[in-house]
PDB file of N, CA and C in Angstrom:
ATOM      1  N   MET A   1     -28.685  17.038  79.782  1.00  0.00           N
ATOM      2  CA  MET A   1     -29.894  17.129  78.991  1.00  0.00           C
ATOM      3  C   MET A   1     -30.972  16.245  79.573  1.00  0.00           C
ATOM      4  N   SER A   2     -32.161  16.722  79.426  1.00  0.00           N
ATOM      5  CA  SER A   2     -33.279  15.910  79.901  1.00  0.00           C
ATOM      6  C   SER A   2     -33.776  15.031  78.763  1.00  0.00           C
ATOM      7  N   ASP A   3     -34.689  14.171  79.081  1.00  0.00           N
ATOM      8  CA  ASP A   3     -35.213  13.239  78.081  1.00  0.00           C
ATOM      9  C   ASP A   3     -36.048  13.951  77.022  1.00  0.00           C
ATOM     10  N   ASN A   4     -36.575  15.138  77.318  1.00  0.00           N
ATOM     11  CA  ASN A   4     -37.447  15.853  76.382  1.00  0.00           C
ATOM     12  C   ASN A   4     -36.677  16.782  75.441  1.00  0.00           C
ATOM     13  N   ASP A   5     -35.376  16.996  75.660  1.00  0.00           N
ATOM     14  CA  ASP A   5     -34.588  17.873  74.799  1.00  0.00           C
ATOM     15  C   ASP A   5     -34.360  17.199  73.438  1.00  0.00           C
ATOM     16  N   ILE A   6     -34.449  18.003  72.402  1.00  0.00           N
ATOM     17  CA  ILE A   6     -34.249  17.498  71.037  1.00  0.00           C
ATOM     18  C   ILE A   6     -32.944  18.086  70.513  1.00  0.00           C
ATOM     19  N   ALA A   7     -32.109  17.245  70.034  1.00  0.00           N
ATOM     20  CA  ALA A   7     -30.846  17.714  69.455  1.00  0.00           C
ATOM     21  C   ALA A   7     -31.051  17.928  67.962  1.00  0.00           C
ATOM     22  N   LEU A   8     -30.811  19.126  67.500  1.00  0.00           N
ATOM     23  CA  LEU A   8     -30.970  19.444  66.086  1.00  0.00           C
ATOM     24  C   LEU A   8     -29.627  19.314  65.380  1.00  0.00           C
ATOM     25  N   LYS A   9     -29.668  18.647  64.277  1.00  0.00           N
ATOM     26  CA  LYS A   9     -28.465  18.494  63.471  1.00  0.00           C
ATOM     27  C   LYS A   9     -28.578  19.436  62.266  1.00  0.00           C
ATOM     28  N   PRO A  10     -27.507  20.074  61.901  1.00  0.00           N
ATOM     29  CA  PRO A  10     -27.572  20.953  60.732  1.00  0.00           C
ATOM     30  C   PRO A  10     -27.754  20.127  59.457  1.00  0.00           C
ATOM     31  N   LYS A  11     -28.536  20.687  58.536  1.00  0.00           N
ATOM     32  CA  LYS A  11     -28.740  20.000  57.258  1.00  0.00           C
ATOM     33  C   LYS A  11     -27.514  20.193  56.384  1.00  0.00           C
ATOM     34  N   THR A  12     -27.171  19.145  55.691  1.00  0.00           N
ATOM     35  CA  THR A  12     -26.039  19.259  54.773  1.00  0.00           C
ATOM     36  C   THR A  12     -26.558  19.690  53.404  1.00  0.00           C
ATOM     37  N   LYS A  13     -25.813  20.571  52.777  1.00  0.00           N
ATOM     38  CA  LYS A  13     -26.211  21.014  51.446  1.00  0.00           C
ATOM     39  C   LYS A  13     -25.784  19.969  50.430  1.00  0.00           C
ATOM     40  N   VAL A  14     -26.695  19.642  49.549  1.00  0.00           N
ATOM     41  CA  VAL A  14     -26.405  18.694  48.491  1.00  0.00           C
ATOM     42  C   VAL A  14     -26.489  19.448  47.177  1.00  0.00           C
ATOM     43  N   THR A  15     -25.372  19.534  46.496  1.00  0.00           N
ATOM     44  CA  THR A  15     -25.380  20.175  45.188  1.00  0.00           C
ATOM     45  C   THR A  15     -25.272  19.090  44.135  1.00  0.00           C
ATOM     46  N   PRO A  16     -26.192  19.087  43.180  1.00  0.00           N
ATOM     47  CA  PRO A  16     -26.144  18.043  42.161  1.00  0.00           C
ATOM     48  C   PRO A  16     -24.922  18.216  41.271  1.00  0.00           C
ATOM     49  N   LYS A  17     -24.299  17.106  40.953  1.00  0.00           N
ATOM     50  CA  LYS A  17     -23.140  17.149  40.082  1.00  0.00           C
ATOM     51  C   LYS A  17     -23.632  16.988  38.646  1.00  0.00           C
ATOM     52  N   LEU A  18     -23.353  17.998  37.832  1.00  0.00           N
ATOM     53  CA  LEU A  18     -23.807  17.967  36.453  1.00  0.00           C
ATOM     54  C   LEU A  18     -22.698  17.416  35.558  1.00  0.00           C
ATOM     55  N   ASP A  19     -23.074  16.484  34.723  1.00  0.00           N
ATOM     56  CA  ASP A  19     -22.118  15.942  33.764  1.00  0.00           C
ATOM     57  C   ASP A  19     -22.036  16.869  32.565  1.00  0.00           C
ATOM     58  N   LYS A  20     -20.860  16.940  31.976  1.00  0.00           N
ATOM     59  CA  LYS A  20     -20.696  17.719  30.758  1.00  0.00           C
ATOM     60  C   LYS A  20     -21.456  17.012  29.640  1.00  0.00           C
ATOM     61  N   PRO A  21     -22.033  17.781  28.716  1.00  0.00           N
ATOM     62  CA  PRO A  21     -22.744  17.122  27.613  1.00  0.00           C
ATOM     63  C   PRO A  21     -21.765  16.341  26.742  1.00  0.00           C
ATOM     64  N   LYS A  22     -22.228  15.230  26.218  1.00  0.00           N
ATOM     65  CA  LYS A  22     -21.385  14.425  25.344  1.00  0.00           C
ATOM     66  C   LYS A  22     -21.143  15.181  24.044  1.00  0.00           C
ATOM     67  N   LEU A  23     -19.950  15.046  23.530  1.00  0.00           N
ATOM     68  CA  LEU A  23     -19.594  15.720  22.291  1.00  0.00           C
ATOM     69  C   LEU A  23     -19.789  14.776  21.112  1.00  0.00           C
ATOM     70  N   TYR A  24     -20.107  15.370  19.977  1.00  0.00           N
ATOM     71  CA  TYR A  24     -20.339  14.606  18.755  1.00  0.00           C
ATOM     72  C   TYR A  24     -19.439  15.118  17.647  1.00  0.00           C
ATOM     73  N   LYS A  25     -18.995  14.200  16.798  1.00  0.00           N
ATOM     74  CA  LYS A  25     -18.160  14.536  15.657  1.00  0.00           C
ATOM     75  C   LYS A  25     -19.047  14.694  14.425  1.00  0.00           C
ATOM     76  N   VAL A  26     -18.741  15.688  13.609  1.00  0.00           N
ATOM     77  CA  VAL A  26     -19.358  15.805  12.290  1.00  0.00           C
ATOM     78  C   VAL A  26     -18.308  15.294  11.310  1.00  0.00           C
ATOM     79  N   ILE A  27     -18.696  14.304  10.529  1.00  0.00           N
ATOM     80  CA  ILE A  27     -17.752  13.644   9.629  1.00  0.00           C
ATOM     81  C   ILE A  27     -18.152  13.910   8.180  1.00  0.00           C
ATOM     82  N   LEU A  28     -17.172  14.324   7.386  1.00  0.00           N
ATOM     83  CA  LEU A  28     -17.341  14.535   5.945  1.00  0.00           C
ATOM     84  C   LEU A  28     -16.854  13.283   5.226  1.00  0.00           C
ATOM     85  N   PHE A  29     -17.666  12.785   4.283  1.00  0.00           N
ATOM     86  CA  PHE A  29     -17.287  11.630   3.481  1.00  0.00           C
ATOM     87  C   PHE A  29     -16.958  12.060   2.069  1.00  0.00           C
ATOM     88  N   ASN A  30     -15.933  11.452   1.509  1.00  0.00           N
ATOM     89  CA  ASN A  30     -15.520  11.752   0.149  1.00  0.00           C
ATOM     90  C   ASN A  30     -16.500  11.132  -0.840  1.00  0.00           C
ATOM     91  N   ASP A  31     -16.720  11.830  -1.938  1.00  0.00           N
ATOM     92  CA  ASP A  31     -17.444  11.250  -3.062  1.00  0.00           C
ATOM     93  C   ASP A  31     -16.752  11.703  -4.341  1.00  0.00           C
ATOM     94  N   ASP A  32     -17.041  11.024  -5.450  1.00  0.00           N
ATOM     95  CA  ASP A  32     -16.362  11.325  -6.712  1.00  0.00           C
ATOM     96  C   ASP A  32     -17.145  12.300  -7.589  1.00  0.00           C
ATOM     97  N   TYR A  33     -18.203  12.892  -7.070  1.00  0.00           N
ATOM     98  CA  TYR A  33     -19.060  13.729  -7.901  1.00  0.00           C
ATOM     99  C   TYR A  33     -19.096  15.193  -7.489  1.00  0.00           C
ATOM    100  N   THR A  34     -18.959  15.477  -6.213  1.00  0.00           N
ATOM    101  CA  THR A  34     -19.042  16.858  -5.729  1.00  0.00           C
ATOM    102  C   THR A  34     -17.730  17.584  -6.017  1.00  0.00           C
ATOM    103  N   PRO A  35     -17.798  18.735  -6.691  1.00  0.00           N
ATOM    104  CA  PRO A  35     -16.567  19.484  -6.984  1.00  0.00           C
ATOM    105  C   PRO A  35     -15.871  19.964  -5.708  1.00  0.00           C
ATOM    106  N   ARG A  36     -14.565  19.990  -5.750  1.00  0.00           N
ATOM    107  CA  ARG A  36     -13.774  20.405  -4.595  1.00  0.00           C
ATOM    108  C   ARG A  36     -14.123  21.825  -4.158  1.00  0.00           C
ATOM    109  N   GLU A  37     -14.320  22.702  -5.119  1.00  0.00           N
ATOM    110  CA  GLU A  37     -14.637  24.098  -4.805  1.00  0.00           C
ATOM    111  C   GLU A  37     -15.954  24.207  -4.031  1.00  0.00           C
ATOM    112  N   PHE A  38     -16.921  23.354  -4.407  1.00  0.00           N
ATOM    113  CA  PHE A  38     -18.206  23.376  -3.708  1.00  0.00           C
ATOM    114  C   PHE A  38     -18.054  22.869  -2.273  1.00  0.00           C
ATOM    115  N   VAL A  39     -17.258  21.822  -2.074  1.00  0.00           N
ATOM    116  CA  VAL A  39     -17.026  21.280  -0.731  1.00  0.00           C
ATOM    117  C   VAL A  39     -16.399  22.357   0.155  1.00  0.00           C
ATOM    118  N   ILE A  40     -15.403  23.051  -0.367  1.00  0.00           N
ATOM    119  CA  ILE A  40     -14.752  24.122   0.400  1.00  0.00           C
ATOM    120  C   ILE A  40     -15.755  25.233   0.710  1.00  0.00           C
ATOM    121  N   MET A  41     -16.612  25.574  -0.251  1.00  0.00           N
ATOM    122  CA  MET A  41     -17.625  26.610  -0.029  1.00  0.00           C
ATOM    123  C   MET A  41     -18.587  26.205   1.096  1.00  0.00           C
ATOM    124  N   VAL A  42     -18.989  24.928   1.127  1.00  0.00           N
ATOM    125  CA  VAL A  42     -19.882  24.433   2.188  1.00  0.00           C
ATOM    126  C   VAL A  42     -19.176  24.493   3.541  1.00  0.00           C
ATOM    127  N   LEU A  43     -17.922  24.078   3.581  1.00  0.00           N
ATOM    128  CA  LEU A  43     -17.174  24.116   4.839  1.00  0.00           C
ATOM    129  C   LEU A  43     -17.015  25.549   5.342  1.00  0.00           C
ATOM    130  N   LYS A  44     -16.806  26.483   4.437  1.00  0.00           N
ATOM    131  CA  LYS A  44     -16.686  27.890   4.824  1.00  0.00           C
ATOM    132  C   LYS A  44     -18.027  28.446   5.293  1.00  0.00           C
ATOM    133  N   ALA A  45     -19.099  28.141   4.572  1.00  0.00           N
ATOM    134  CA  ALA A  45     -20.414  28.712   4.876  1.00  0.00           C
ATOM    135  C   ALA A  45     -21.045  28.106   6.132  1.00  0.00           C
ATOM    136  N   VAL A  46     -21.023  26.796   6.239  1.00  0.00           N
ATOM    137  CA  VAL A  46     -21.727  26.119   7.331  1.00  0.00           C
ATOM    138  C   VAL A  46     -20.867  26.024   8.585  1.00  0.00           C
ATOM    139  N   PHE A  47     -19.575  25.702   8.404  1.00  0.00           N
ATOM    140  CA  PHE A  47     -18.714  25.448   9.551  1.00  0.00           C
ATOM    141  C   PHE A  47     -17.785  26.617   9.872  1.00  0.00           C
ATOM    142  N   ARG A  48     -17.936  27.714   9.147  1.00  0.00           N
ATOM    143  CA  ARG A  48     -17.172  28.957   9.392  1.00  0.00           C
ATOM    144  C   ARG A  48     -15.661  28.719   9.346  1.00  0.00           C
ATOM    145  N   MET A  49     -15.230  27.925   8.367  1.00  0.00           N
ATOM    146  CA  MET A  49     -13.800  27.648   8.212  1.00  0.00           C
ATOM    147  C   MET A  49     -13.178  28.663   7.264  1.00  0.00           C
ATOM    148  N   SER A  50     -11.887  28.820   7.407  1.00  0.00           N
ATOM    149  CA  SER A  50     -11.144  29.646   6.454  1.00  0.00           C
ATOM    150  C   SER A  50     -10.943  28.838   5.175  1.00  0.00           C
ATOM    151  N   GLU A  51     -10.492  29.489   4.138  1.00  0.00           N
ATOM    152  CA  GLU A  51     -10.212  28.822   2.867  1.00  0.00           C
ATOM    153  C   GLU A  51      -9.177  27.705   3.059  1.00  0.00           C
ATOM    154  N   GLU A  52      -8.107  28.002   3.811  1.00  0.00           N
ATOM    155  CA  GLU A  52      -7.042  27.021   4.023  1.00  0.00           C
ATOM    156  C   GLU A  52      -7.526  25.820   4.842  1.00  0.00           C
ATOM    157  N   ALA A  53      -8.267  26.093   5.918  1.00  0.00           N
ATOM    158  CA  ALA A  53      -8.768  25.007   6.762  1.00  0.00           C
ATOM    159  C   ALA A  53      -9.755  24.140   5.982  1.00  0.00           C
ATOM    160  N   GLY A  54     -10.626  24.765   5.201  1.00  0.00           N
ATOM    161  CA  GLY A  54     -11.577  24.025   4.377  1.00  0.00           C
ATOM    162  C   GLY A  54     -10.878  23.140   3.363  1.00  0.00           C
ATOM    163  N   TYR A  55      -9.815  23.682   2.747  1.00  0.00           N
ATOM    164  CA  TYR A  55      -9.039  22.910   1.772  1.00  0.00           C
ATOM    165  C   TYR A  55      -8.390  21.697   2.437  1.00  0.00           C
ATOM    166  N   LYS A  56      -7.815  21.899   3.628  1.00  0.00           N
ATOM    167  CA  LYS A  56      -7.157  20.792   4.336  1.00  0.00           C
ATOM    168  C   LYS A  56      -8.153  19.695   4.711  1.00  0.00           C
ATOM    169  N   VAL A  57      -9.321  20.088   5.205  1.00  0.00           N
ATOM    170  CA  VAL A  57     -10.345  19.105   5.575  1.00  0.00           C
ATOM    171  C   VAL A  57     -10.819  18.361   4.335  1.00  0.00           C
ATOM    172  N   MET A  58     -11.073  19.097   3.248  1.00  0.00           N
ATOM    173  CA  MET A  58     -11.533  18.477   2.012  1.00  0.00           C
ATOM    174  C   MET A  58     -10.497  17.501   1.467  1.00  0.00           C
ATOM    175  N   MET A  59      -9.215  17.881   1.487  1.00  0.00           N
ATOM    176  CA  MET A  59      -8.165  16.996   0.972  1.00  0.00           C
ATOM    177  C   MET A  59      -7.971  15.764   1.861  1.00  0.00           C
ATOM    178  N   THR A  60      -8.125  15.927   3.166  1.00  0.00           N
ATOM    179  CA  THR A  60      -8.025  14.776   4.073  1.00  0.00           C
ATOM    180  C   THR A  60      -9.134  13.783   3.774  1.00  0.00           C
ATOM    181  N   ALA A  61     -10.363  14.283   3.598  1.00  0.00           N
ATOM    182  CA  ALA A  61     -11.482  13.402   3.251  1.00  0.00           C
ATOM    183  C   ALA A  61     -11.248  12.754   1.886  1.00  0.00           C
ATOM    184  N   HIS A  62     -10.678  13.501   0.950  1.00  0.00           N
ATOM    185  CA  HIS A  62     -10.416  12.977  -0.386  1.00  0.00           C
ATOM    186  C   HIS A  62      -9.386  11.841  -0.340  1.00  0.00           C
ATOM    187  N   LYS A  63      -8.350  12.009   0.454  1.00  0.00           N
ATOM    188  CA  LYS A  63      -7.280  11.013   0.522  1.00  0.00           C
ATOM    189  C   LYS A  63      -7.636   9.808   1.388  1.00  0.00           C
ATOM    190  N   LEU A  64      -8.320  10.057   2.515  1.00  0.00           N
ATOM    191  CA  LEU A  64      -8.595   8.981   3.474  1.00  0.00           C
ATOM    192  C   LEU A  64     -10.010   8.414   3.396  1.00  0.00           C
ATOM    193  N   GLY A  65     -10.884   9.095   2.662  1.00  0.00           N
ATOM    194  CA  GLY A  65     -12.266   8.619   2.550  1.00  0.00           C
ATOM    195  C   GLY A  65     -13.228   9.347   3.464  1.00  0.00           C
ATOM    196  N   SER A  66     -12.725   9.870   4.587  1.00  0.00           N
ATOM    197  CA  SER A  66     -13.566  10.650   5.497  1.00  0.00           C
ATOM    198  C   SER A  66     -12.671  11.509   6.374  1.00  0.00           C
ATOM    199  N   CYS A  67     -13.292  12.513   7.002  1.00  0.00           N
ATOM    200  CA  CYS A  67     -12.530  13.423   7.852  1.00  0.00           C
ATOM    201  C   CYS A  67     -13.469  14.050   8.878  1.00  0.00           C
ATOM    202  N   VAL A  68     -12.997  14.188  10.106  1.00  0.00           N
ATOM    203  CA  VAL A  68     -13.770  14.881  11.133  1.00  0.00           C
ATOM    204  C   VAL A  68     -13.676  16.373  10.854  1.00  0.00           C
ATOM    205  N   VAL A  69     -14.833  17.009  10.731  1.00  0.00           N
ATOM    206  CA  VAL A  69     -14.885  18.438  10.433  1.00  0.00           C
ATOM    207  C   VAL A  69     -14.848  19.251  11.714  1.00  0.00           C
ATOM    208  N   VAL A  70     -15.689  18.866  12.679  1.00  0.00           N
ATOM    209  CA  VAL A  70     -15.799  19.617  13.929  1.00  0.00           C
ATOM    210  C   VAL A  70     -16.316  18.688  15.014  1.00  0.00           C
ATOM    211  N   VAL A  71     -16.003  19.005  16.258  1.00  0.00           N
ATOM    212  CA  VAL A  71     -16.528  18.280  17.413  1.00  0.00           C
ATOM    213  C   VAL A  71     -17.267  19.293  18.272  1.00  0.00           C
ATOM    214  N   CYS A  72     -18.549  19.015  18.554  1.00  0.00           N
ATOM    215  CA  CYS A  72     -19.360  19.970  19.311  1.00  0.00           C
ATOM    216  C   CYS A  72     -20.534  19.235  19.966  1.00  0.00           C
ATOM    217  N   ALA A  73     -21.420  19.989  20.591  1.00  0.00           N
ATOM    218  CA  ALA A  73     -22.593  19.406  21.242  1.00  0.00           C
ATOM    219  C   ALA A  73     -23.489  18.727  20.203  1.00  0.00           C
ATOM    220  N   LYS A  74     -24.260  17.751  20.640  1.00  0.00           N
ATOM    221  CA  LYS A  74     -25.062  16.926  19.737  1.00  0.00           C
ATOM    222  C   LYS A  74     -26.001  17.741  18.865  1.00  0.00           C
ATOM    223  N   ASP A  75     -26.759  18.656  19.451  1.00  0.00           N
ATOM    224  CA  ASP A  75     -27.738  19.408  18.665  1.00  0.00           C
ATOM    225  C   ASP A  75     -27.064  20.308  17.634  1.00  0.00           C
ATOM    226  N   ILE A  76     -25.937  20.879  17.974  1.00  0.00           N
ATOM    227  CA  ILE A  76     -25.204  21.724  17.025  1.00  0.00           C
ATOM    228  C   ILE A  76     -24.636  20.867  15.905  1.00  0.00           C
ATOM    229  N   ALA A  77     -24.059  19.725  16.249  1.00  0.00           N
ATOM    230  CA  ALA A  77     -23.492  18.822  15.242  1.00  0.00           C
ATOM    231  C   ALA A  77     -24.556  18.359  14.256  1.00  0.00           C
ATOM    232  N   GLU A  78     -25.704  17.948  14.765  1.00  0.00           N
ATOM    233  CA  GLU A  78     -26.776  17.477  13.883  1.00  0.00           C
ATOM    234  C   GLU A  78     -27.314  18.598  13.002  1.00  0.00           C
ATOM    235  N   THR A  79     -27.426  19.793  13.561  1.00  0.00           N
ATOM    236  CA  THR A  79     -27.921  20.931  12.791  1.00  0.00           C
ATOM    237  C   THR A  79     -26.965  21.283  11.665  1.00  0.00           C
ATOM    238  N   LYS A  80     -25.679  21.347  11.960  1.00  0.00           N
ATOM    239  CA  LYS A  80     -24.685  21.697  10.938  1.00  0.00           C
ATOM    240  C   LYS A  80     -24.592  20.624   9.855  1.00  0.00           C
ATOM    241  N   ALA A  81     -24.625  19.356  10.238  1.00  0.00           N
ATOM    242  CA  ALA A  81     -24.579  18.282   9.250  1.00  0.00           C
ATOM    243  C   ALA A  81     -25.789  18.337   8.330  1.00  0.00           C
ATOM    244  N   THR A  82     -26.957  18.545   8.900  1.00  0.00           N
ATOM    245  CA  THR A  82     -28.182  18.632   8.106  1.00  0.00           C
ATOM    246  C   THR A  82     -28.155  19.842   7.180  1.00  0.00           C
ATOM    247  N   GLU A  83     -27.695  20.968   7.691  1.00  0.00           N
ATOM    248  CA  GLU A  83     -27.607  22.181   6.879  1.00  0.00           C
ATOM    249  C   GLU A  83     -26.670  21.973   5.693  1.00  0.00           C
ATOM    250  N   ALA A  84     -25.526  21.338   5.922  1.00  0.00           N
ATOM    251  CA  ALA A  84     -24.561  21.088   4.849  1.00  0.00           C
ATOM    252  C   ALA A  84     -25.130  20.124   3.807  1.00  0.00           C
ATOM    253  N   ILE A  85     -25.799  19.075   4.254  1.00  0.00           N
ATOM    254  CA  ILE A  85     -26.395  18.102   3.330  1.00  0.00           C
ATOM    255  C   ILE A  85     -27.488  18.764   2.502  1.00  0.00           C
ATOM    256  N   ASP A  86     -28.323  19.568   3.146  1.00  0.00           N
ATOM    257  CA  ASP A  86     -29.403  20.254   2.430  1.00  0.00           C
ATOM    258  C   ASP A  86     -28.856  21.224   1.391  1.00  0.00           C
ATOM    259  N   LEU A  87     -27.777  21.906   1.723  1.00  0.00           N
ATOM    260  CA  LEU A  87     -27.142  22.824   0.783  1.00  0.00           C
ATOM    261  C   LEU A  87     -26.636  22.061  -0.443  1.00  0.00           C
ATOM    262  N   ALA A  88     -26.013  20.921  -0.209  1.00  0.00           N
ATOM    263  CA  ALA A  88     -25.505  20.105  -1.314  1.00  0.00           C
ATOM    264  C   ALA A  88     -26.649  19.533  -2.151  1.00  0.00           C
ATOM    265  N   LYS A  89     -27.687  19.028  -1.507  1.00  0.00           N
ATOM    266  CA  LYS A  89     -28.831  18.480  -2.241  1.00  0.00           C
ATOM    267  C   LYS A  89     -29.492  19.548  -3.098  1.00  0.00           C
ATOM    268  N   GLY A  90     -29.562  20.770  -2.564  1.00  0.00           N
ATOM    269  CA  GLY A  90     -30.150  21.881  -3.318  1.00  0.00           C
ATOM    270  C   GLY A  90     -29.390  22.180  -4.600  1.00  0.00           C
ATOM    271  N   MET A  91     -28.110  21.872  -4.618  1.00  0.00           N
ATOM    272  CA  MET A  91     -27.284  22.095  -5.807  1.00  0.00           C
ATOM    273  C   MET A  91     -27.119  20.815  -6.633  1.00  0.00           C
ATOM    274  N   GLY A  92     -27.729  19.719  -6.172  1.00  0.00           N
ATOM    275  CA  GLY A  92     -27.687  18.462  -6.917  1.00  0.00           C
ATOM    276  C   GLY A  92     -26.448  17.618  -6.677  1.00  0.00           C
ATOM    277  N   PHE A  93     -25.778  17.803  -5.549  1.00  0.00           N
ATOM    278  CA  PHE A  93     -24.570  17.038  -5.243  1.00  0.00           C
ATOM    279  C   PHE A  93     -24.836  16.042  -4.121  1.00  0.00           C
ATOM    280  N   PRO A  94     -24.172  14.867  -4.169  1.00  0.00           N
ATOM    281  CA  PRO A  94     -24.388  13.842  -3.136  1.00  0.00           C
ATOM    282  C   PRO A  94     -23.453  13.974  -1.931  1.00  0.00           C
ATOM    283  N   LEU A  95     -23.028  15.171  -1.598  1.00  0.00           N
ATOM    284  CA  LEU A  95     -22.113  15.395  -0.477  1.00  0.00           C
ATOM    285  C   LEU A  95     -22.740  14.854   0.807  1.00  0.00           C
ATOM    286  N   MET A  96     -21.950  14.118   1.603  1.00  0.00           N
ATOM    287  CA  MET A  96     -22.499  13.446   2.784  1.00  0.00           C
ATOM    288  C   MET A  96     -21.732  13.809   4.049  1.00  0.00           C
ATOM    289  N   PHE A  97     -22.497  14.155   5.080  1.00  0.00           N
ATOM    290  CA  PHE A  97     -21.974  14.403   6.413  1.00  0.00           C
ATOM    291  C   PHE A  97     -22.767  13.519   7.371  1.00  0.00           C
ATOM    292  N   THR A  98     -22.106  12.997   8.410  1.00  0.00           N
ATOM    293  CA  THR A  98     -22.811  12.269   9.464  1.00  0.00           C
ATOM    294  C   THR A  98     -22.309  12.769  10.815  1.00  0.00           C
ATOM    295  N   THR A  99     -23.031  12.393  11.856  1.00  0.00           N
ATOM    296  CA  THR A  99     -22.598  12.701  13.209  1.00  0.00           C
ATOM    297  C   THR A  99     -22.491  11.404  13.989  1.00  0.00           C
ATOM    298  N   GLU A 100     -21.535  11.375  14.908  1.00  0.00           N
ATOM    299  CA  GLU A 100     -21.410  10.217  15.796  1.00  0.00           C
ATOM    300  C   GLU A 100     -20.767  10.683  17.095  1.00  0.00           C
ATOM    301  N   PRO A 101     -21.049   9.975  18.193  1.00  0.00           N
ATOM    302  CA  PRO A 101     -20.482  10.378  19.475  1.00  0.00           C
ATOM    303  C   PRO A 101     -18.965  10.292  19.480  1.00  0.00           C
ATOM    304  N   GLU A 102     -18.339  11.245  20.145  1.00  0.00           N
ATOM    305  CA  GLU A 102     -16.898  11.180  20.305  1.00  0.00           C
ATOM    306  C   GLU A 102     -16.592  10.167  21.404  1.00  0.00           C
ATOM    307  N   GLU A 103     -15.556   9.401  21.219  1.00  0.00           N
ATOM    308  CA  GLU A 103     -15.235   8.345  22.185  1.00  0.00           C
ATOM    309  C   GLU A 103     -14.392   8.849  23.313  1.00  0.00           C
TER     310      GLU A 103
END
């Protein structure tokens, strides 16, 4: 090679590594005022649970004080929790749901 020759190197492809979105838990808290039937109805309507699954989640929250209802993406978790709370408030019940990051 002469001094004027240029050696070309091939470019390497860089593909960005995407992280999976963080998951969030929707948590149901027990209260002494909301009827069990209403809690099950909310779980069926908002979280698309069966009667049996809704009953199990409601009883777990009743016995332990709280229960994880579902784990999903942050925006979905917040939307479902808000929808459930609004439904309960509309009927005059203090039913409470929160969201928090899954560990």
